[in-house]
N, C-alpha and C. Protein backbone atom coordinates (compact mmCIF):
# COMPACT_ATOMS: atom_id res chain seq x y z
N UNK A 1 44.95 167.27 -65.53
CA UNK A 1 45.15 168.54 -65.06
C UNK A 1 45.69 168.57 -63.53
N UNK A 2 45.12 167.71 -62.71
CA UNK A 2 45.68 167.62 -61.33
C UNK A 2 47.12 167.01 -61.17
N UNK A 3 47.35 166.26 -62.12
CA UNK A 3 48.80 165.80 -62.27
C UNK A 3 49.86 166.86 -62.68
N UNK A 4 49.24 167.36 -63.65
CA UNK A 4 50.18 168.64 -64.10
C UNK A 4 50.38 169.58 -62.92
N UNK A 5 49.48 169.81 -62.13
CA UNK A 5 49.43 170.84 -60.94
C UNK A 5 50.61 170.22 -59.99
N UNK A 6 50.51 168.99 -59.55
CA UNK A 6 51.10 168.34 -58.67
C UNK A 6 52.66 168.37 -59.19
N UNK A 7 52.85 168.03 -60.39
CA UNK A 7 54.26 168.18 -61.00
C UNK A 7 54.86 169.54 -60.86
N UNK A 8 53.94 170.48 -61.39
CA UNK A 8 54.47 171.94 -61.36
C UNK A 8 54.85 172.38 -59.98
N UNK A 9 53.99 172.17 -59.14
CA UNK A 9 54.15 172.65 -57.76
C UNK A 9 55.35 171.82 -57.10
N UNK A 10 55.68 170.71 -57.44
CA UNK A 10 56.70 169.92 -56.97
C UNK A 10 58.12 170.53 -57.61
N UNK A 11 58.07 170.87 -58.67
CA UNK A 11 58.94 171.47 -59.55
C UNK A 11 59.44 172.78 -58.95
N UNK A 12 58.44 173.63 -58.68
CA UNK A 12 58.67 175.07 -58.09
C UNK A 12 59.48 174.78 -56.73
N UNK A 13 58.94 173.84 -55.92
CA UNK A 13 59.55 173.69 -54.63
C UNK A 13 61.01 173.24 -54.68
N UNK A 14 61.24 172.29 -55.55
CA UNK A 14 62.43 172.04 -55.72
C UNK A 14 63.46 173.17 -56.31
N UNK A 15 62.87 173.75 -57.33
CA UNK A 15 63.80 174.94 -57.72
C UNK A 15 63.94 175.98 -56.52
N UNK A 16 62.89 176.15 -55.77
CA UNK A 16 63.23 177.18 -54.50
C UNK A 16 64.16 176.77 -53.80
N UNK A 17 64.38 175.42 -53.43
CA UNK A 17 65.51 174.73 -52.76
C UNK A 17 66.87 175.10 -53.25
N UNK A 18 66.87 175.00 -54.60
CA UNK A 18 68.19 175.12 -55.20
C UNK A 18 68.63 176.65 -55.32
N UNK A 19 67.44 177.72 -55.22
CA UNK A 19 67.90 178.98 -55.24
C UNK A 19 68.58 179.31 -53.99
N UNK A 20 68.43 178.73 -52.98
CA UNK A 20 69.26 178.95 -51.75
C UNK A 20 70.65 178.48 -51.65
N UNK A 21 70.98 177.60 -52.78
CA UNK A 21 72.10 177.06 -52.93
C UNK A 21 72.75 176.37 -51.82
N UNK A 22 71.82 175.57 -51.26
CA UNK A 22 72.19 174.61 -50.23
C UNK A 22 73.08 173.58 -50.74
N UNK A 23 74.19 173.04 -50.19
CA UNK A 23 74.97 172.02 -50.63
C UNK A 23 74.34 170.49 -50.28
N UNK A 24 73.87 170.50 -49.08
CA UNK A 24 73.05 169.27 -48.79
C UNK A 24 71.54 169.50 -48.83
N UNK A 25 70.69 168.55 -49.40
CA UNK A 25 69.37 168.74 -49.57
C UNK A 25 68.71 167.50 -48.98
N UNK A 26 67.18 167.80 -48.82
CA UNK A 26 66.41 166.71 -48.47
C UNK A 26 65.90 165.80 -49.67
N UNK A 27 66.16 166.16 -50.80
CA UNK A 27 66.06 165.76 -52.23
C UNK A 27 66.17 166.69 -53.35
N UNK A 28 66.07 166.17 -54.55
CA UNK A 28 66.26 167.00 -55.76
C UNK A 28 65.74 166.36 -56.82
N UNK A 29 66.25 166.85 -58.02
CA UNK A 29 65.82 166.34 -59.26
C UNK A 29 67.09 165.99 -60.16
N UNK A 30 66.99 164.64 -60.52
CA UNK A 30 67.90 164.21 -61.56
C UNK A 30 67.33 164.27 -62.89
N UNK A 31 68.13 164.64 -63.99
CA UNK A 31 67.49 164.44 -65.22
C UNK A 31 68.64 164.02 -66.39
N UNK A 32 67.83 163.60 -67.47
CA UNK A 32 68.72 163.25 -68.43
C UNK A 32 68.01 163.48 -69.89
N UNK A 33 68.40 163.08 -71.04
CA UNK A 33 67.88 163.57 -72.31
C UNK A 33 66.65 163.44 -72.43
N UNK A 34 65.78 162.60 -71.99
CA UNK A 34 64.21 162.35 -72.11
C UNK A 34 63.59 162.05 -70.77
N UNK A 35 64.30 162.18 -69.80
CA UNK A 35 63.61 161.74 -68.35
C UNK A 35 64.02 162.80 -67.29
N UNK A 36 63.28 162.88 -66.23
CA UNK A 36 63.64 163.37 -65.04
C UNK A 36 63.05 162.69 -64.09
N UNK A 37 63.83 162.69 -62.69
CA UNK A 37 63.30 162.04 -61.59
C UNK A 37 63.45 162.67 -60.50
N UNK A 38 62.41 162.89 -59.72
CA UNK A 38 62.56 163.61 -58.40
C UNK A 38 62.87 162.51 -57.34
N UNK A 39 63.72 162.75 -56.35
CA UNK A 39 64.04 161.85 -55.47
C UNK A 39 64.24 162.42 -53.96
N UNK A 40 63.98 161.77 -53.07
CA UNK A 40 63.92 162.16 -51.64
C UNK A 40 65.13 161.58 -50.84
N UNK A 41 65.61 162.00 -49.80
CA UNK A 41 66.42 161.33 -48.94
C UNK A 41 65.80 160.84 -47.85
N UNK A 42 66.33 159.61 -47.38
CA UNK A 42 65.70 159.23 -46.00
C UNK A 42 65.76 160.17 -44.76
N UNK A 43 64.95 160.17 -43.78
CA UNK A 43 65.02 160.98 -42.55
C UNK A 43 66.52 160.65 -42.05
N UNK A 44 66.88 161.75 -41.85
CA UNK A 44 68.39 161.68 -40.98
C UNK A 44 69.41 161.97 -42.04
N UNK A 45 69.11 161.75 -43.26
CA UNK A 45 70.11 161.88 -44.44
C UNK A 45 69.78 162.93 -45.32
N UNK A 46 71.09 163.30 -46.05
CA UNK A 46 70.84 164.24 -47.03
C UNK A 46 71.23 163.97 -48.48
N UNK A 47 70.74 164.79 -49.43
CA UNK A 47 71.28 164.46 -50.73
C UNK A 47 72.48 165.52 -51.06
N UNK A 48 73.48 165.01 -51.51
CA UNK A 48 74.72 166.11 -51.92
C UNK A 48 74.86 165.94 -53.34
N UNK A 49 74.58 166.84 -53.99
CA UNK A 49 74.79 166.98 -55.44
C UNK A 49 76.06 167.54 -56.00
N UNK A 50 76.94 167.83 -55.13
CA UNK A 50 78.27 168.35 -55.48
C UNK A 50 79.45 167.58 -55.47
N UNK A 51 79.60 166.64 -54.38
CA UNK A 51 80.76 165.96 -54.00
C UNK A 51 81.18 165.04 -55.27
N UNK A 52 80.29 164.12 -55.96
CA UNK A 52 80.67 163.33 -56.97
C UNK A 52 80.24 163.98 -58.31
N UNK A 53 79.82 165.30 -58.47
CA UNK A 53 79.43 165.58 -59.77
C UNK A 53 80.31 165.75 -60.79
N UNK A 54 81.77 165.69 -60.34
CA UNK A 54 82.62 165.66 -61.47
C UNK A 54 82.88 164.21 -62.05
N UNK A 55 82.05 163.27 -61.41
CA UNK A 55 81.82 161.95 -62.00
C UNK A 55 80.50 161.62 -62.57
N UNK A 56 79.70 162.68 -62.63
CA UNK A 56 78.52 162.55 -63.29
C UNK A 56 77.46 162.06 -62.23
N UNK A 57 77.79 161.91 -61.08
CA UNK A 57 76.74 161.61 -60.04
C UNK A 57 76.34 162.65 -59.20
N UNK A 58 75.06 162.86 -59.51
CA UNK A 58 74.35 164.21 -58.71
C UNK A 58 73.52 163.49 -57.62
N UNK A 59 73.28 162.17 -57.49
CA UNK A 59 72.43 161.77 -56.43
C UNK A 59 73.30 160.87 -55.58
N UNK A 60 73.81 161.59 -54.37
CA UNK A 60 74.89 161.08 -53.30
C UNK A 60 73.96 161.24 -52.03
N UNK A 61 73.96 160.19 -51.23
CA UNK A 61 73.10 160.48 -49.99
C UNK A 61 74.09 159.77 -49.02
N UNK A 62 74.21 160.38 -47.63
CA UNK A 62 74.75 159.98 -46.53
C UNK A 62 74.15 160.67 -45.38
N UNK A 63 74.34 159.92 -44.27
CA UNK A 63 73.70 160.59 -42.96
C UNK A 63 74.03 162.09 -42.70
N UNK A 64 73.15 162.64 -42.07
CA UNK A 64 73.35 164.04 -41.70
C UNK A 64 74.48 164.22 -40.42
N UNK A 65 75.25 164.96 -40.60
CA UNK A 65 76.25 165.33 -39.52
C UNK A 65 77.60 164.35 -39.82
N UNK A 66 77.68 163.57 -40.89
CA UNK A 66 78.78 162.86 -41.37
C UNK A 66 79.30 163.38 -42.52
N UNK A 67 80.62 163.19 -42.81
CA UNK A 67 81.08 163.72 -43.97
C UNK A 67 81.46 162.51 -45.11
N UNK A 68 81.37 162.79 -46.37
CA UNK A 68 81.56 161.92 -47.31
C UNK A 68 83.16 161.21 -47.13
N UNK A 69 83.18 160.06 -47.33
CA UNK A 69 84.62 159.49 -47.13
C UNK A 69 84.71 158.67 -45.97
N UNK A 70 85.92 158.15 -45.83
CA UNK A 70 86.25 157.27 -44.67
C UNK A 70 85.29 156.10 -44.54
N UNK A 71 84.73 155.73 -43.38
CA UNK A 71 83.79 154.90 -43.16
C UNK A 71 82.29 155.14 -43.39
N UNK A 72 81.97 156.18 -43.90
CA UNK A 72 80.65 156.54 -43.97
C UNK A 72 79.88 155.85 -45.00
N UNK A 73 78.90 155.12 -44.65
CA UNK A 73 78.06 154.24 -45.70
C UNK A 73 77.33 155.44 -46.72
N UNK A 74 77.42 155.04 -47.91
CA UNK A 74 76.73 155.94 -48.62
C UNK A 74 75.64 155.35 -49.57
N UNK A 75 74.75 155.98 -50.18
CA UNK A 75 73.96 155.53 -51.40
C UNK A 75 74.17 156.49 -52.43
N UNK A 76 74.35 156.13 -53.65
CA UNK A 76 74.32 156.81 -54.68
C UNK A 76 73.52 156.45 -55.97
N UNK A 77 73.14 157.28 -56.67
CA UNK A 77 72.41 156.71 -58.03
C UNK A 77 73.29 157.11 -59.24
N UNK A 78 73.39 156.26 -59.87
CA UNK A 78 74.11 156.54 -61.38
C UNK A 78 73.14 155.95 -62.59
N UNK A 79 73.32 156.35 -63.50
CA UNK A 79 72.36 155.89 -64.66
C UNK A 79 73.18 155.60 -65.83
N UNK A 80 72.69 154.76 -66.72
CA UNK A 80 73.26 154.14 -67.91
C UNK A 80 72.26 154.25 -68.97
N UNK A 81 72.52 154.93 -70.18
CA UNK A 81 71.60 154.78 -71.39
C UNK A 81 71.57 153.38 -71.84
N UNK A 82 70.30 152.83 -72.24
CA UNK A 82 70.32 151.46 -72.73
C UNK A 82 70.05 151.87 -74.39
N UNK A 83 70.29 150.69 -75.06
CA UNK A 83 70.02 150.83 -76.53
C UNK A 83 68.45 151.07 -76.89
N UNK A 84 67.61 150.52 -76.03
CA UNK A 84 66.28 150.89 -76.46
C UNK A 84 65.58 150.74 -74.84
N UNK A 85 64.28 150.97 -74.97
CA UNK A 85 63.54 150.87 -73.65
C UNK A 85 62.86 149.57 -73.46
N UNK A 86 63.64 148.49 -73.35
CA UNK A 86 63.08 146.91 -73.13
C UNK A 86 63.83 146.64 -71.94
N UNK A 87 63.15 145.63 -71.32
CA UNK A 87 63.65 144.84 -70.14
C UNK A 87 64.82 143.98 -70.66
N UNK A 88 64.73 143.47 -72.01
CA UNK A 88 66.00 142.73 -72.46
C UNK A 88 67.24 143.65 -72.46
N UNK A 89 67.08 145.00 -72.86
CA UNK A 89 68.35 145.61 -72.80
C UNK A 89 68.70 145.94 -71.37
N UNK A 90 68.05 146.16 -70.53
CA UNK A 90 68.30 146.18 -68.97
C UNK A 90 69.10 144.87 -68.67
N UNK A 91 68.61 143.80 -68.90
CA UNK A 91 69.13 142.63 -68.60
C UNK A 91 70.44 142.39 -69.13
N UNK A 92 70.67 142.73 -70.27
CA UNK A 92 71.96 142.85 -70.99
C UNK A 92 72.98 143.68 -70.24
N UNK A 93 72.54 144.68 -69.96
CA UNK A 93 73.35 145.65 -69.07
C UNK A 93 73.71 145.18 -67.77
N UNK A 94 72.68 144.58 -67.14
CA UNK A 94 73.00 144.06 -65.59
C UNK A 94 74.03 142.75 -65.89
N UNK A 95 73.80 142.18 -66.86
CA UNK A 95 74.80 141.03 -67.15
C UNK A 95 76.01 141.48 -67.31
N UNK A 96 76.22 142.26 -68.08
CA UNK A 96 77.61 143.05 -68.45
C UNK A 96 78.23 143.68 -67.13
N UNK A 97 77.53 144.50 -66.53
CA UNK A 97 77.84 144.94 -65.24
C UNK A 97 78.21 144.15 -64.24
N UNK A 98 77.66 143.15 -63.87
CA UNK A 98 77.73 142.14 -62.78
C UNK A 98 79.12 141.09 -63.11
N UNK A 99 79.20 140.99 -64.49
CA UNK A 99 80.40 140.14 -64.96
C UNK A 99 81.70 140.76 -64.73
N UNK A 100 81.54 142.29 -64.85
CA UNK A 100 82.78 143.06 -64.85
C UNK A 100 83.25 142.95 -63.43
N UNK A 101 82.10 143.17 -62.46
CA UNK A 101 82.60 142.70 -60.90
C UNK A 101 83.31 141.43 -60.84
N UNK A 102 82.67 140.56 -61.38
CA UNK A 102 83.14 139.11 -61.04
C UNK A 102 84.59 139.05 -61.66
N UNK A 103 84.82 139.61 -62.85
CA UNK A 103 86.09 139.52 -63.43
C UNK A 103 87.29 140.24 -62.67
N UNK A 104 86.75 141.39 -61.85
CA UNK A 104 87.61 142.07 -61.15
C UNK A 104 87.70 141.38 -59.57
N UNK A 105 87.29 140.21 -59.38
CA UNK A 105 87.49 139.42 -58.09
C UNK A 105 86.44 139.62 -57.11
N UNK A 106 85.38 140.22 -57.50
CA UNK A 106 84.16 140.42 -56.47
C UNK A 106 83.29 139.12 -56.40
N UNK A 107 82.71 139.12 -55.31
CA UNK A 107 81.64 138.03 -55.13
C UNK A 107 80.43 138.61 -55.48
N UNK A 108 79.56 138.11 -56.42
CA UNK A 108 78.29 138.64 -56.59
C UNK A 108 77.18 137.59 -56.60
N UNK A 109 76.23 137.95 -55.81
CA UNK A 109 75.13 137.17 -55.39
C UNK A 109 73.88 137.87 -55.68
N UNK A 110 72.62 137.35 -56.22
CA UNK A 110 71.41 137.79 -56.33
C UNK A 110 70.97 138.31 -54.75
N UNK A 111 70.20 139.31 -54.76
CA UNK A 111 69.75 139.90 -53.38
C UNK A 111 68.36 140.43 -53.45
N UNK A 112 67.50 140.20 -52.60
CA UNK A 112 66.14 140.29 -52.46
C UNK A 112 65.87 141.61 -51.52
N UNK A 113 65.58 142.60 -52.38
CA UNK A 113 65.10 143.81 -51.45
C UNK A 113 63.60 143.55 -51.35
N UNK A 114 63.11 143.73 -49.95
CA UNK A 114 61.79 143.25 -49.77
C UNK A 114 60.60 144.24 -49.86
N UNK A 115 61.06 145.56 -49.75
CA UNK A 115 60.15 146.63 -49.47
C UNK A 115 59.99 147.62 -50.52
N UNK A 116 60.18 147.09 -51.74
CA UNK A 116 60.04 147.90 -53.13
C UNK A 116 58.72 148.11 -53.54
N UNK A 117 58.07 149.30 -53.70
CA UNK A 117 56.83 149.33 -54.24
C UNK A 117 56.90 149.74 -55.72
N UNK A 118 56.03 149.30 -56.59
CA UNK A 118 55.71 149.63 -58.00
C UNK A 118 57.00 149.85 -58.68
N UNK A 119 58.16 149.23 -58.49
CA UNK A 119 59.28 149.27 -59.45
C UNK A 119 59.90 147.76 -59.54
N UNK A 120 60.26 147.55 -60.89
CA UNK A 120 60.82 146.26 -61.15
C UNK A 120 62.32 146.37 -60.69
N UNK A 121 62.76 145.80 -59.86
CA UNK A 121 64.07 145.98 -59.41
C UNK A 121 64.82 144.61 -59.56
N UNK A 122 66.01 144.66 -59.93
CA UNK A 122 67.00 143.59 -59.84
C UNK A 122 68.24 143.93 -59.18
N UNK A 123 68.50 143.20 -57.84
CA UNK A 123 69.39 143.51 -57.01
C UNK A 123 70.50 142.42 -56.61
N UNK A 124 71.71 142.77 -56.50
CA UNK A 124 72.87 142.10 -56.08
C UNK A 124 73.52 142.68 -55.14
N UNK A 125 74.12 141.45 -54.30
CA UNK A 125 75.04 141.97 -53.05
C UNK A 125 76.47 141.70 -53.72
N UNK A 126 77.39 142.63 -53.67
CA UNK A 126 78.67 142.39 -54.22
C UNK A 126 79.80 142.71 -53.08
N UNK A 127 80.69 142.02 -53.07
CA UNK A 127 81.79 142.11 -51.92
C UNK A 127 83.15 141.60 -52.41
N UNK A 128 84.06 142.34 -51.82
CA UNK A 128 85.40 142.09 -52.06
C UNK A 128 86.12 142.62 -50.84
N UNK A 129 87.02 141.87 -50.13
CA UNK A 129 87.71 142.59 -48.95
C UNK A 129 86.87 143.32 -48.16
N UNK A 130 87.10 144.54 -47.88
CA UNK A 130 86.32 145.52 -47.01
C UNK A 130 85.37 146.45 -47.72
N UNK A 131 84.96 145.97 -48.97
CA UNK A 131 84.01 146.76 -49.69
C UNK A 131 82.79 145.92 -49.79
N UNK A 132 81.55 146.45 -49.45
CA UNK A 132 80.40 145.83 -49.67
C UNK A 132 79.39 146.68 -50.25
N UNK A 133 78.60 146.04 -51.15
CA UNK A 133 77.48 146.81 -52.13
C UNK A 133 76.48 146.15 -52.17
N UNK A 134 75.20 146.85 -52.14
CA UNK A 134 74.05 146.12 -52.82
C UNK A 134 73.68 147.21 -53.92
N UNK A 135 73.68 146.50 -55.03
CA UNK A 135 73.37 147.31 -56.35
C UNK A 135 72.00 146.92 -56.87
N UNK A 136 71.10 148.03 -56.91
CA UNK A 136 69.75 147.63 -57.33
C UNK A 136 69.76 148.43 -58.73
N UNK A 137 69.22 147.76 -59.82
CA UNK A 137 69.12 148.13 -61.02
C UNK A 137 67.67 148.31 -61.40
N UNK A 138 67.16 149.26 -61.87
CA UNK A 138 65.72 149.61 -62.33
C UNK A 138 65.76 150.36 -63.68
N UNK A 139 64.59 150.16 -64.42
CA UNK A 139 64.73 151.04 -65.79
C UNK A 139 63.45 151.87 -65.81
N UNK A 140 63.61 153.10 -66.39
CA UNK A 140 62.82 154.00 -66.66
C UNK A 140 62.97 154.35 -68.11
N UNK A 141 62.14 154.17 -69.19
CA UNK A 141 62.32 154.51 -70.60
C UNK A 141 63.65 153.66 -71.03
N UNK A 142 64.40 154.43 -71.48
CA UNK A 142 65.81 153.61 -72.03
C UNK A 142 67.00 154.12 -71.30
N UNK A 143 66.61 154.17 -69.86
CA UNK A 143 67.73 154.41 -68.98
C UNK A 143 67.74 153.50 -67.73
N UNK A 144 68.80 152.94 -67.51
CA UNK A 144 69.00 151.97 -66.44
C UNK A 144 69.39 152.98 -65.11
N UNK A 145 68.69 152.84 -63.97
CA UNK A 145 69.10 153.50 -62.68
C UNK A 145 69.81 152.47 -62.05
N UNK A 146 71.06 152.66 -61.56
CA UNK A 146 71.63 151.97 -60.43
C UNK A 146 71.51 152.61 -59.23
N UNK A 147 71.11 152.05 -58.09
CA UNK A 147 70.92 152.69 -56.85
C UNK A 147 71.87 151.85 -55.97
N UNK A 148 72.89 152.31 -55.44
CA UNK A 148 74.01 151.48 -54.73
C UNK A 148 74.29 151.95 -53.44
N UNK A 149 74.10 151.07 -52.56
CA UNK A 149 74.39 151.21 -51.06
C UNK A 149 75.87 150.71 -50.94
N UNK A 150 76.81 151.33 -50.37
CA UNK A 150 78.04 151.03 -50.29
C UNK A 150 78.51 151.42 -48.93
N UNK A 151 79.38 150.09 -48.19
CA UNK A 151 79.97 150.42 -46.93
C UNK A 151 81.07 149.52 -46.93
N UNK A 152 81.83 149.79 -45.78
CA UNK A 152 83.10 148.87 -45.52
C UNK A 152 83.00 147.79 -44.44
N UNK A 153 81.52 147.58 -44.05
CA UNK A 153 81.26 146.52 -43.30
C UNK A 153 80.01 145.86 -43.63
N UNK A 154 79.86 144.75 -43.50
CA UNK A 154 78.55 144.13 -43.75
C UNK A 154 77.47 144.62 -42.70
N UNK A 155 77.79 144.90 -41.68
CA UNK A 155 76.91 145.38 -40.54
C UNK A 155 76.22 146.59 -41.06
N UNK A 156 77.02 147.65 -41.53
CA UNK A 156 76.36 148.84 -42.08
C UNK A 156 75.64 148.69 -43.16
N UNK A 157 75.70 147.66 -44.05
CA UNK A 157 74.99 147.29 -45.22
C UNK A 157 73.57 146.99 -44.67
N UNK A 158 73.52 146.06 -43.79
CA UNK A 158 72.23 145.46 -43.18
C UNK A 158 71.63 146.68 -42.48
N UNK A 159 72.28 147.51 -41.71
CA UNK A 159 71.71 148.49 -41.07
C UNK A 159 71.02 149.73 -41.96
N UNK A 160 71.56 149.67 -43.28
CA UNK A 160 70.93 150.83 -44.07
C UNK A 160 70.13 150.20 -45.39
N UNK A 161 69.82 148.95 -45.27
CA UNK A 161 68.91 148.43 -46.41
C UNK A 161 67.54 149.26 -46.39
N UNK A 162 66.95 149.64 -45.36
CA UNK A 162 65.73 150.44 -45.33
C UNK A 162 65.99 151.86 -45.98
N UNK A 163 67.17 152.41 -45.95
CA UNK A 163 67.51 153.64 -46.47
C UNK A 163 67.57 153.72 -47.89
N UNK A 164 68.22 152.54 -48.43
CA UNK A 164 68.18 152.13 -49.95
C UNK A 164 66.87 151.93 -50.40
N UNK A 165 66.02 151.28 -49.79
CA UNK A 165 64.56 150.89 -50.12
C UNK A 165 63.77 152.35 -50.26
N UNK A 166 64.03 153.14 -49.18
CA UNK A 166 63.39 154.19 -49.23
C UNK A 166 63.56 155.11 -50.29
N UNK A 167 65.04 155.17 -50.75
CA UNK A 167 65.20 156.15 -51.78
C UNK A 167 64.72 155.65 -53.06
N UNK A 168 64.79 154.20 -53.18
CA UNK A 168 64.38 153.36 -54.49
C UNK A 168 62.78 153.86 -54.65
N UNK A 169 61.99 153.72 -53.47
CA UNK A 169 60.66 154.06 -53.51
C UNK A 169 60.29 155.51 -53.59
N UNK A 170 61.23 156.21 -53.29
CA UNK A 170 60.92 157.93 -53.48
C UNK A 170 61.59 158.36 -54.80
N UNK A 171 61.59 157.74 -55.68
CA UNK A 171 62.22 157.83 -56.97
C UNK A 171 60.96 158.11 -57.83
N UNK A 172 60.51 159.49 -58.16
CA UNK A 172 59.32 159.84 -59.01
C UNK A 172 59.69 160.25 -60.42
N UNK A 173 59.63 159.38 -61.28
CA UNK A 173 59.82 159.89 -62.60
C UNK A 173 58.76 160.74 -63.30
N UNK A 174 59.39 161.71 -64.07
CA UNK A 174 58.51 162.68 -64.71
C UNK A 174 58.68 162.64 -66.09
N UNK A 175 57.62 162.63 -66.81
CA UNK A 175 57.64 162.81 -68.36
C UNK A 175 58.09 164.08 -68.96
N UNK A 176 58.91 164.05 -69.79
CA UNK A 176 59.38 165.40 -70.52
C UNK A 176 58.84 165.42 -71.88
N UNK A 177 58.49 166.68 -72.15
CA UNK A 177 58.17 166.87 -73.58
C UNK A 177 59.19 168.10 -73.90
N UNK A 178 59.85 167.74 -75.12
CA UNK A 178 60.87 168.89 -75.35
C UNK A 178 61.70 169.33 -74.43
N UNK A 179 62.08 168.48 -73.58
CA UNK A 179 62.99 168.52 -72.17
C UNK A 179 62.26 169.56 -71.16
N UNK A 180 60.97 169.74 -71.21
CA UNK A 180 60.23 170.45 -70.16
C UNK A 180 59.39 169.50 -69.43
N UNK A 181 58.98 169.33 -68.07
CA UNK A 181 58.23 168.71 -67.47
C UNK A 181 56.80 168.73 -68.05
N UNK A 182 56.11 167.73 -68.02
CA UNK A 182 54.83 167.45 -68.68
C UNK A 182 53.79 167.86 -67.54
């Protein structure tokens, strides 16, 4: 009962934030066919659910006071439906995704995120010319969540690793029953 109350109150809070139609938020809810995920922005960052919505990306994060584009480091969440809810399917998708980077001339190396709590993460550092990324893959049910930090220089990547870890740690999955929070 306590869990249902917390989820309900969280859901009402997030809905009230949306009712004020703010473009940049401290967090929000991402959802798919059989999952929902509450996510929070790190301190000093905002969640933008509009800028990349036409690409199906509703979880875009960047520093307050900065605009999307140019040299602004960003973190975004993308999702990919898997064939089933197994780690084997997640690993197949990761292999496919990292190989596509390699086939396009990117350097791909495993990367260790050190401050992740309660989530199994596979992370890779990807680079080519002036584009650097840390791609973190995690699974909930039959959905792969790609949480990606991207910047034009390695210094910005290093400076923002803690923000990437914060977002991953503050992704709270919610069970859905008939597409309603449980």
